[in-house]
Amino acid sequence: MASLVPQAHLQQFKAPRQAGSWQRQAARRAAAPAPCRRLPPLRAAQQQQWQAPPGLSILPWTGDAEQTAALEALKQRIAASLYPDAASDEGTLRWFLQDRKMNVEEAEEKLLKMLRWRREFGADSIEWTDVAKEAATGKAYLHSQTDISARPVIIVRAAKHLTGSSDLQDSQRLCVHLMDLAVERLEAAGEAAGPGGPPPPQTVLGIFDLRGFTSANADWGFVRFLVDIFFLYYPKRLSQVLFVEAPWVFKPGWEIVKPWLKKYAALVRFVSADEVRREFFTPDTVPEDFGGQGFPPKGKGK
């Protein structure tokens, strides 16, 4: 049976994975990054920075004395924990400190929960063979291009996810794999950023394509998993969520999900396919799913 996913999307999964988030950085410096994880040069139109709603923005990392002291304190705590290797992953330690407004105790607590979850879930050992079947359904993929704010983009085609048609854990593994790939792209962009240029992206855009959504696609158990991992284990990494062409049958489910999100519901925006392609992409970067009448095809209309 032919794959429902374009080969450009499948290729991202076939790139070899590294063992753990703190080990991936060292491995990337030792070898050239896989082509699917290399971010394209930013155009002027792509250097916009999306601004999070008040109260949901991430604290900037300035490297001042207070932040440096907090980082060193967190390093020492993690080095003495059950996950000492994580102490060398400064990028992750900094992110959890930024998420917790430099509160070392809170950052430690949240980081340890994340590390425990990754070990129990087996997140660092997920390989292509573990997600190939789910990826072939076309239900979700990491877009090869960034949006106009330079964010990696995860696209979920909700109509291709049928409740009960596959093992829930298979869908969960695909989700984690995609998010890890997106975070790796962010890390690579941060390492490649030069002085004086635009700040590197730090967050991911999530697009849920709800065209064709029916009650058969309403897997609220999986949605609950998504909410938990995005806000507990990848805190503030998902900076904006677009619900595209939501049909009426989706609205009752949204009333269930919205309280789960709490204040993060402010990150959700209901949009049309036309708004996605015109507001978030250029003709060269728009996903094939959102090309349409009245929008210049790639390479034209510049």
Protein backbone atom coordinates (compact mmCIF):
# COMPACT_ATOMS: atom_id res chain seq x y z
CA MET A 1 0.00 0.00 0.00
CA ALA A 2 1.40 3.39 -0.98
CA SER A 3 2.37 5.76 1.79
CA LEU A 4 -0.04 8.60 2.51
CA VAL A 5 2.86 10.84 3.53
CA PRO A 6 5.09 12.65 1.00
CA GLN A 7 8.60 11.23 0.95
CA ALA A 8 9.95 14.60 2.10
CA HIS A 9 8.04 14.13 5.35
CA LEU A 10 8.95 10.46 5.76
CA GLN A 11 12.64 11.23 5.38
CA GLN A 12 12.70 13.18 8.64
CA PHE A 13 11.93 10.01 10.61
CA LYS A 14 14.63 7.95 8.93
CA ALA A 15 17.43 10.17 10.22
CA PRO A 16 19.28 8.38 13.04
CA ARG A 17 18.28 9.49 16.50
CA GLN A 18 20.69 10.21 19.30
CA ALA A 19 20.29 8.63 22.74
CA GLY A 20 19.14 11.53 24.90
CA SER A 21 18.46 15.25 24.73
CA TRP A 22 21.64 16.16 26.65
CA GLN A 23 23.67 13.70 24.51
CA ARG A 24 22.24 14.92 21.21
CA GLN A 25 24.03 18.26 21.47
CA ALA A 26 27.47 16.65 21.80
CA ALA A 27 26.69 14.21 19.00
CA ARG A 28 25.59 17.03 16.71
CA ARG A 29 28.87 18.86 17.20
CA ALA A 30 30.80 15.70 16.38
CA ALA A 31 28.98 15.03 13.11
CA ALA A 32 27.15 17.05 10.48
CA PRO A 33 23.43 17.33 11.22
CA ALA A 34 21.02 15.29 9.14
CA PRO A 35 19.62 17.31 6.19
CA CYS A 36 16.05 17.02 7.49
CA ARG A 37 17.02 18.76 10.72
CA ARG A 38 18.85 21.69 9.18
CA LEU A 39 16.87 24.92 9.19
CA PRO A 40 16.92 26.92 5.95
CA PRO A 41 18.39 30.44 6.00
CA LEU A 42 15.86 32.97 7.25
CA ARG A 43 14.43 35.45 4.78
CA ALA A 44 13.49 38.92 5.93
CA ALA A 45 9.82 37.90 5.89
CA GLN A 46 10.61 34.95 8.16
CA GLN A 47 12.41 36.94 10.84
CA GLN A 48 9.24 38.06 12.59
CA GLN A 49 8.99 36.90 16.18
CA TRP A 50 5.58 35.82 17.41
CA GLN A 51 4.65 37.32 20.76
CA ALA A 52 2.97 35.10 23.36
CA PRO A 53 -0.08 36.41 25.25
CA PRO A 54 0.65 38.19 28.55
CA GLY A 55 1.55 35.73 31.28
CA LEU A 56 2.51 32.97 28.86
CA SER A 57 5.78 34.33 27.51
CA ILE A 58 9.10 32.71 28.34
CA LEU A 59 11.58 34.64 30.46
CA PRO A 60 14.50 35.72 28.22
CA TRP A 61 17.91 34.28 28.95
CA THR A 62 20.40 37.12 29.41
CA GLY A 63 23.19 35.24 31.15
CA ASP A 64 23.46 37.83 33.91
CA ALA A 65 24.89 37.00 37.33
CA GLU A 66 21.55 35.98 38.82
CA GLN A 67 20.71 33.62 35.98
CA THR A 68 24.20 32.15 35.91
CA ALA A 69 24.03 31.45 39.63
CA ALA A 70 20.63 29.79 39.22
CA LEU A 71 21.98 27.62 36.42
CA GLU A 72 24.96 26.49 38.51
CA ALA A 73 22.68 25.68 41.44
CA LEU A 74 20.37 23.63 39.22
CA LYS A 75 23.35 21.81 37.70
CA GLN A 76 24.51 20.74 41.13
CA ARG A 77 21.04 19.52 42.11
CA ILE A 78 20.59 17.51 38.92
CA ALA A 79 24.13 16.08 39.16
CA ALA A 80 23.18 14.69 42.57
CA SER A 81 19.87 13.26 41.32
CA LEU A 82 19.00 9.94 39.68
CA TYR A 83 19.71 11.59 36.30
CA PRO A 84 23.24 13.01 36.66
CA ASP A 85 23.94 12.98 32.89
CA ALA A 86 21.24 15.61 32.44
CA ALA A 87 23.38 18.12 34.35
CA SER A 88 25.52 18.60 31.24
CA ASP A 89 22.55 19.65 29.08
CA GLU A 90 22.69 23.39 29.77
CA GLY A 91 20.10 24.19 27.12
CA THR A 92 17.42 22.10 28.83
CA LEU A 93 18.39 23.33 32.29
CA ARG A 94 18.17 26.94 31.11
CA TRP A 95 14.77 26.35 29.50
CA PHE A 96 13.26 24.93 32.68
CA LEU A 97 14.69 27.83 34.67
CA GLN A 98 13.20 30.28 32.19
CA ASP A 99 9.87 28.46 32.40
CA ARG A 100 9.93 28.70 36.22
CA LYS A 101 11.10 32.35 36.27
CA MET A 102 14.52 31.37 37.68
CA ASN A 103 13.07 29.56 40.67
CA VAL A 104 15.63 26.77 41.12
CA GLU A 105 13.46 24.57 43.34
CA GLU A 106 10.48 24.71 40.98
CA ALA A 107 12.69 24.17 37.93
CA GLU A 108 14.29 21.14 39.58
CA GLU A 109 10.93 19.62 40.47
CA LYS A 110 9.53 20.06 36.97
CA LEU A 111 12.73 18.90 35.27
CA LEU A 112 12.93 15.74 37.38
CA LYS A 113 9.32 14.91 36.50
CA MET A 114 10.19 15.29 32.83
CA LEU A 115 13.30 13.11 33.13
CA ARG A 116 11.38 10.45 35.03
CA TRP A 117 8.64 10.47 32.39
CA ARG A 118 11.15 10.15 29.53
CA ARG A 119 12.77 7.16 31.21
CA GLU A 120 9.45 5.43 31.95
CA PHE A 121 7.99 6.20 28.51
CA GLY A 122 11.21 5.24 26.73
CA ALA A 123 11.28 8.54 24.88
CA ASP A 124 15.03 8.51 24.23
CA SER A 125 14.95 5.06 22.63
CA ILE A 126 12.21 5.75 20.05
CA GLU A 127 13.46 4.83 16.57
CA TRP A 128 12.05 5.03 13.06
CA THR A 129 10.82 1.45 13.26
CA ASP A 130 8.74 2.39 16.31
CA VAL A 131 6.80 5.13 14.50
CA ALA A 132 6.94 4.10 10.83
CA LYS A 133 3.48 2.54 10.76
CA GLU A 134 1.84 5.52 12.42
CA ALA A 135 3.77 8.00 10.27
CA ALA A 136 2.62 6.20 7.12
CA THR A 137 -1.00 7.02 7.94
CA GLY A 138 -0.22 10.67 7.29
CA LYS A 139 -1.88 11.72 10.55
CA ALA A 140 1.02 13.95 11.65
CA TYR A 141 4.36 15.22 10.41
CA LEU A 142 7.03 17.84 11.00
CA HIS A 143 6.93 20.35 8.14
CA SER A 144 10.19 20.70 6.25
CA GLN A 145 9.99 24.51 6.43
CA THR A 146 9.50 26.97 9.27
CA ASP A 147 6.70 29.52 9.58
CA ILE A 148 7.30 33.25 9.14
CA SER A 149 8.41 33.49 12.78
CA ALA A 150 11.07 30.83 12.08
CA ARG A 151 9.29 28.26 14.25
CA PRO A 152 9.31 24.54 13.43
CA VAL A 153 5.80 23.42 12.49
CA ILE A 154 4.06 20.20 13.52
CA ILE A 155 0.96 19.47 11.44
CA VAL A 156 -1.74 17.06 12.61
CA ARG A 157 -4.34 15.84 10.13
CA ALA A 158 -7.12 14.96 12.56
CA ALA A 159 -9.30 13.20 9.97
CA LYS A 160 -6.60 10.55 9.50
CA HIS A 161 -6.64 9.56 13.17
CA LEU A 162 -9.41 7.01 13.74
CA THR A 163 -10.16 6.21 17.37
CA GLY A 164 -9.32 2.60 18.14
CA SER A 165 -7.76 1.86 14.73
CA SER A 166 -4.25 1.73 16.17
CA ASP A 167 -2.61 1.22 19.52
CA LEU A 168 -2.77 4.40 21.59
CA GLN A 169 0.88 4.09 22.56
CA ASP A 170 1.89 4.02 18.89
CA SER A 171 0.20 7.39 18.39
CA GLN A 172 1.84 8.68 21.56
CA ARG A 173 5.29 7.59 20.39
CA LEU A 174 4.80 9.36 17.05
CA CYS A 175 3.82 12.55 18.88
CA VAL A 176 6.88 12.42 21.15
CA HIS A 177 9.17 11.63 18.22
CA LEU A 178 7.89 14.63 16.27
CA MET A 179 8.23 16.95 19.24
CA ASP A 180 11.79 15.77 19.89
CA LEU A 181 12.69 16.41 16.25
CA ALA A 182 11.20 19.90 16.50
CA VAL A 183 13.19 20.66 19.67
CA GLU A 184 16.36 19.41 17.97
CA ARG A 185 15.72 21.92 15.19
CA LEU A 186 15.38 24.66 17.78
CA GLU A 187 18.65 23.61 19.41
CA ALA A 188 20.40 23.59 16.02
CA ALA A 189 19.06 27.06 15.20
CA GLY A 190 20.27 28.33 18.57
CA GLU A 191 23.75 26.95 18.00
CA ALA A 192 23.90 28.44 14.49
CA ALA A 193 22.67 31.90 15.49
CA GLY A 194 25.31 34.56 15.08
CA PRO A 195 25.78 37.76 17.05
CA GLY A 196 23.80 40.75 15.87
CA GLY A 197 21.21 38.71 14.01
CA PRO A 198 17.58 38.03 14.86
CA PRO A 199 17.07 35.97 18.01
CA PRO A 200 16.79 32.25 17.25
CA PRO A 201 13.37 30.60 17.53
CA GLN A 202 12.61 28.88 20.81
CA THR A 203 9.11 27.54 20.28
CA VAL A 204 7.02 25.34 17.98
CA LEU A 205 3.84 26.08 16.03
CA GLY A 206 1.18 23.36 16.15
CA ILE A 207 -1.41 23.15 13.36
CA PHE A 208 -4.41 20.87 13.79
CA ASP A 209 -6.10 20.46 10.42
CA LEU A 210 -9.73 19.71 11.32
CA ARG A 211 -11.09 19.55 7.79
CA GLY A 212 -13.09 16.35 7.47
CA PHE A 213 -13.15 15.80 11.26
CA THR A 214 -16.01 13.57 12.48
CA SER A 215 -16.93 11.90 15.75
CA ALA A 216 -14.84 8.89 14.63
CA ASN A 217 -11.74 11.07 14.98
CA ALA A 218 -12.58 12.31 18.48
CA ASP A 219 -9.98 10.50 20.57
CA TRP A 220 -10.11 12.51 23.78
CA GLY A 221 -7.80 10.09 25.61
CA PHE A 222 -5.07 10.91 23.09
CA VAL A 223 -5.87 14.62 23.34
CA ARG A 224 -5.41 14.42 27.12
CA PHE A 225 -1.98 12.86 26.52
CA LEU A 226 -1.08 15.72 24.18
CA VAL A 227 -2.11 18.32 26.74
CA ASP A 228 -0.03 16.64 29.45
CA ILE A 229 3.17 16.26 27.47
CA PHE A 230 3.08 19.70 25.88
CA PHE A 231 2.58 21.54 29.13
CA LEU A 232 4.33 19.25 31.63
CA TYR A 233 7.24 17.77 29.71
CA TYR A 234 7.81 20.33 26.93
CA PRO A 235 6.86 23.46 28.91
CA LYS A 236 6.11 26.50 26.75
CA ARG A 237 7.73 24.85 23.73
CA LEU A 238 4.37 24.93 21.94
CA SER A 239 3.79 28.64 21.62
CA GLN A 240 0.69 28.67 19.43
CA VAL A 241 -1.97 26.19 18.29
CA LEU A 242 -4.09 26.68 15.17
CA PHE A 243 -7.38 24.81 14.77
CA VAL A 244 -8.09 24.87 11.05
CA GLU A 245 -11.66 24.83 9.67
CA ALA A 246 -13.17 23.34 12.85
CA PRO A 247 -16.58 21.81 12.04
CA TRP A 248 -19.56 22.04 14.34
CA VAL A 249 -19.04 18.45 15.54
CA PHE A 250 -15.69 19.51 17.03
CA LYS A 251 -17.11 22.28 19.19
CA PRO A 252 -18.56 20.10 22.03
CA GLY A 253 -15.19 18.37 22.34
CA TRP A 254 -13.45 21.72 22.55
CA GLU A 255 -15.61 22.59 25.54
CA ILE A 256 -14.20 19.46 27.22
CA VAL A 257 -10.59 20.16 26.30
CA LYS A 258 -10.53 23.90 27.04
CA PRO A 259 -10.61 23.52 30.87
CA TRP A 260 -7.69 21.06 30.65
CA LEU A 261 -5.59 23.80 29.05
CA LYS A 262 -6.39 26.39 31.74
CA LYS A 263 -4.57 29.63 30.91
CA TYR A 264 -2.88 27.99 27.93
CA ALA A 265 -6.21 28.01 26.10
CA ALA A 266 -5.18 31.54 25.11
CA LEU A 267 -2.61 29.96 22.75
CA VAL A 268 -5.39 28.43 20.64
CA ARG A 269 -6.76 30.21 17.61
CA PHE A 270 -9.51 29.01 15.28
CA VAL A 271 -8.53 29.85 11.71
CA SER A 272 -9.36 29.13 8.09
CA ALA A 273 -6.97 27.39 5.70
CA ASP A 274 -6.62 30.71 3.89
CA GLU A 275 -5.52 32.43 7.11
CA VAL A 276 -2.91 29.72 7.68
CA ARG A 277 -1.27 30.15 4.30
CA ARG A 278 -1.48 33.94 4.19
CA GLU A 279 -0.55 34.80 7.81
CA PHE A 280 1.93 32.09 8.75
CA PHE A 281 3.83 31.14 5.58
CA THR A 282 5.30 32.49 2.39
CA PRO A 283 4.55 30.97 -1.04
CA ASP A 284 7.85 29.08 -0.77
CA THR A 285 7.23 27.65 2.70
CA VAL A 286 3.48 26.94 2.81
CA PRO A 287 2.69 23.25 3.47
CA GLU A 288 1.17 21.40 0.53
CA ASP A 289 -1.95 20.81 2.64
CA PHE A 290 -2.69 24.55 2.61
CA GLY A 291 -1.88 25.56 -0.94
CA GLY A 292 -5.05 26.84 -2.54
CA GLN A 293 -6.81 29.02 -5.04
CA GLY A 294 -5.75 32.63 -4.86
CA PHE A 295 -2.41 31.85 -3.21
CA PRO A 296 0.66 32.02 -5.48
CA PRO A 297 2.24 28.60 -5.99
CA LYS A 298 5.76 28.04 -4.72
CA GLY A 299 8.38 29.91 -6.72
CA LYS A 300 5.82 32.35 -8.22
CA GLY A 301 4.08 35.51 -7.28
CA LYS A 302 7.11 36.93 -5.43
